[in-house]
Amino acid sequence: MLKITDANNFRRTVVGLCLIAGPLVTLIGGLVTPWEEHETKAAYLQALAENPTRAQIHAILFYFGFLLTAVGTFGILHLLRHRAVVLGHVAGVLAVWGWVTFPGLLISDFSDLSLAQWSNRQEAIDISDRAEGYVGSAIMGVPVLLGVIG
């Protein structure tokens, strides 16, 4: 039961709820995602063009799911006090870094949706491929990989 007057109980309950709600919201976002039939850029853009509302809902659900999980991870770090403190904090920092970076990567979903609705599909594919070719795009993926390791 949620006891607002007991700070420790309240904190642990909120952390637990975030760790339940975050993955659940992310799972629902994955179920809503308009998946492509083939692993090509053209099929991906076609799936987004055919389901623009689902594409937006999936991005928003992923955003909130990732942030709820990040808050839960912060809470887990707070509970580390006696055992494996150093290892736990190193892993926790990496995990938080990854979970906080995931939502930032979702902005590309909206630019991909915009490209998917463009009348010239080949130009949209070229633009999307060019955007993925920038060094900054690869650098943005590093925290996500470290977060998965954490």
Protein backbone atom coordinates (compact mmCIF):
# COMPACT_ATOMS: atom_id res chain seq x y z
CA MET A 1 0.00 0.00 0.00
CA LEU A 2 1.18 3.51 -0.77
CA LYS A 3 1.97 5.38 2.43
CA ILE A 4 2.64 9.02 1.61
CA THR A 5 3.81 9.78 5.14
CA ASP A 6 6.56 7.12 5.03
CA ALA A 7 9.24 8.45 2.66
CA ASN A 8 11.11 5.15 2.25
CA ASN A 9 7.95 3.20 1.50
CA PHE A 10 6.74 5.87 -0.91
CA ARG A 11 10.09 6.01 -2.74
CA ARG A 12 10.34 2.24 -3.10
CA THR A 13 6.73 1.97 -4.27
CA VAL A 14 7.21 4.67 -6.91
CA VAL A 15 10.43 3.05 -8.12
CA GLY A 16 8.68 -0.31 -8.33
CA LEU A 17 5.76 1.19 -10.23
CA CYS A 18 8.18 2.88 -12.67
CA LEU A 19 10.01 -0.41 -13.22
CA ILE A 20 6.69 -2.10 -13.97
CA ALA A 21 5.08 0.69 -16.00
CA GLY A 22 8.17 1.57 -18.08
CA PRO A 23 8.65 -1.83 -19.72
CA LEU A 24 4.87 -2.30 -20.00
CA VAL A 25 4.43 1.01 -21.85
CA THR A 26 7.43 0.14 -24.04
CA LEU A 27 5.91 -3.26 -24.82
CA ILE A 28 2.62 -1.63 -25.82
CA GLY A 29 4.60 0.77 -28.02
CA GLY A 30 6.26 -2.20 -29.70
CA LEU A 31 2.88 -3.81 -30.33
CA VAL A 32 1.57 -0.59 -31.91
CA THR A 33 4.65 -0.16 -34.13
CA PRO A 34 3.96 -0.36 -37.88
CA TRP A 35 6.48 -3.07 -38.84
CA GLU A 36 7.82 -3.38 -42.36
CA GLU A 37 7.55 -6.62 -44.33
CA HIS A 38 11.16 -6.56 -45.57
CA GLU A 39 14.30 -5.12 -44.01
CA THR A 40 14.80 -2.35 -46.53
CA LYS A 41 14.59 1.39 -46.17
CA ALA A 42 11.83 1.53 -48.80
CA ALA A 43 9.69 -1.02 -46.89
CA TYR A 44 10.29 0.87 -43.63
CA LEU A 45 9.19 4.18 -45.14
CA GLN A 46 6.20 2.48 -46.80
CA ALA A 47 5.06 1.06 -43.44
CA LEU A 48 5.30 4.53 -41.87
CA ALA A 49 3.45 6.16 -44.79
CA GLU A 50 0.61 3.63 -44.52
CA ASN A 51 0.26 4.03 -40.72
CA PRO A 52 1.23 7.58 -39.69
CA THR A 53 -0.96 7.60 -36.55
CA ARG A 54 0.43 4.29 -35.30
CA ALA A 55 3.98 5.51 -35.99
CA GLN A 56 3.41 8.59 -33.84
CA ILE A 57 1.73 6.65 -31.04
CA HIS A 58 4.55 4.10 -30.98
CA ALA A 59 7.20 6.85 -30.71
CA ILE A 60 5.34 8.57 -27.86
CA LEU A 61 4.81 5.30 -25.97
CA PHE A 62 8.48 4.38 -26.39
CA TYR A 63 9.47 7.85 -25.16
CA PHE A 64 7.50 7.58 -21.94
CA GLY A 65 8.39 3.92 -21.44
CA PHE A 66 12.11 4.66 -21.70
CA LEU A 67 11.86 7.62 -19.33
CA LEU A 68 9.88 5.64 -16.75
CA THR A 69 12.51 2.91 -16.89
CA ALA A 70 15.27 5.52 -16.45
CA VAL A 71 13.54 6.88 -13.34
CA GLY A 72 13.22 3.33 -12.00
CA THR A 73 16.93 2.77 -12.64
CA PHE A 74 17.74 5.91 -10.64
CA GLY A 75 15.67 4.45 -7.84
CA ILE A 76 17.53 1.15 -7.96
CA LEU A 77 20.80 3.08 -7.64
CA HIS A 78 19.47 4.74 -4.51
CA LEU A 79 18.84 1.33 -2.96
CA LEU A 80 22.50 0.24 -3.41
CA ARG A 81 24.09 0.72 -0.03
CA HIS A 82 25.88 -2.39 1.21
CA ARG A 83 26.64 -4.95 -1.51
CA ALA A 84 28.52 -4.46 -4.79
CA VAL A 85 28.23 -0.71 -4.47
CA VAL A 86 31.00 0.18 -6.94
CA LEU A 87 29.97 -2.33 -9.59
CA GLY A 88 26.31 -1.47 -9.07
CA HIS A 89 26.92 2.24 -9.52
CA VAL A 90 29.07 1.75 -12.62
CA ALA A 91 26.37 -0.46 -14.16
CA GLY A 92 23.66 1.94 -12.97
CA VAL A 93 25.32 4.97 -14.53
CA LEU A 94 25.69 3.12 -17.83
CA ALA A 95 22.08 1.94 -17.68
CA VAL A 96 20.74 5.41 -16.88
CA TRP A 97 22.87 6.90 -19.65
CA GLY A 98 21.39 4.44 -22.14
CA TRP A 99 17.78 4.79 -20.98
CA VAL A 100 17.99 8.59 -21.04
CA THR A 101 19.56 8.54 -24.51
CA PHE A 102 16.93 6.22 -26.03
CA PRO A 103 14.18 8.91 -26.03
CA GLY A 104 16.45 11.35 -27.84
CA LEU A 105 16.88 8.90 -30.67
CA LEU A 106 13.11 8.76 -31.18
CA ILE A 107 13.11 12.20 -32.80
CA SER A 108 14.34 10.41 -35.92
CA ASP A 109 11.00 8.56 -36.06
CA PHE A 110 9.22 11.85 -36.77
CA SER A 111 11.72 12.88 -39.45
CA ASP A 112 11.38 9.40 -40.99
CA LEU A 113 7.60 9.81 -40.94
CA SER A 114 7.96 13.14 -42.72
CA LEU A 115 10.22 11.52 -45.32
CA ALA A 116 7.77 8.61 -45.69
CA GLN A 117 5.00 11.00 -46.65
CA TRP A 118 7.17 12.70 -49.27
CA SER A 119 6.01 12.08 -52.84
CA ASN A 120 9.47 11.14 -54.18
CA ARG A 121 10.30 7.91 -52.33
CA GLN A 122 13.80 7.50 -53.81
CA GLU A 123 14.85 10.97 -52.64
CA ALA A 124 13.43 10.18 -49.19
CA ILE A 125 15.50 6.97 -49.06
CA ASP A 126 18.62 8.86 -50.14
CA ILE A 127 18.10 11.55 -47.50
CA SER A 128 17.52 8.96 -44.77
CA ASP A 129 20.64 7.03 -45.79
CA ARG A 130 22.68 10.23 -45.84
CA ALA A 131 21.50 11.18 -42.34
CA GLU A 132 22.66 7.80 -41.02
CA GLY A 133 26.07 8.33 -42.61
CA TYR A 134 27.09 11.23 -40.35
CA VAL A 135 29.68 10.58 -37.66
CA GLY A 136 27.40 12.18 -35.06
CA SER A 137 24.82 9.51 -35.77
CA ALA A 138 27.29 6.79 -34.79
CA ILE A 139 28.43 8.73 -31.72
CA MET A 140 24.81 8.97 -30.53
CA GLY A 141 24.61 5.17 -30.61
CA VAL A 142 27.50 4.72 -28.14
CA PRO A 143 25.51 5.66 -25.00
CA VAL A 144 22.72 3.35 -26.10
CA LEU A 145 25.14 0.44 -26.40
CA LEU A 146 26.70 1.28 -23.04
CA GLY A 147 23.22 1.47 -21.55
CA VAL A 148 22.44 -2.02 -22.78
CA ILE A 149 25.68 -3.26 -21.19
CA GLY A 150 24.82 -1.44 -17.95
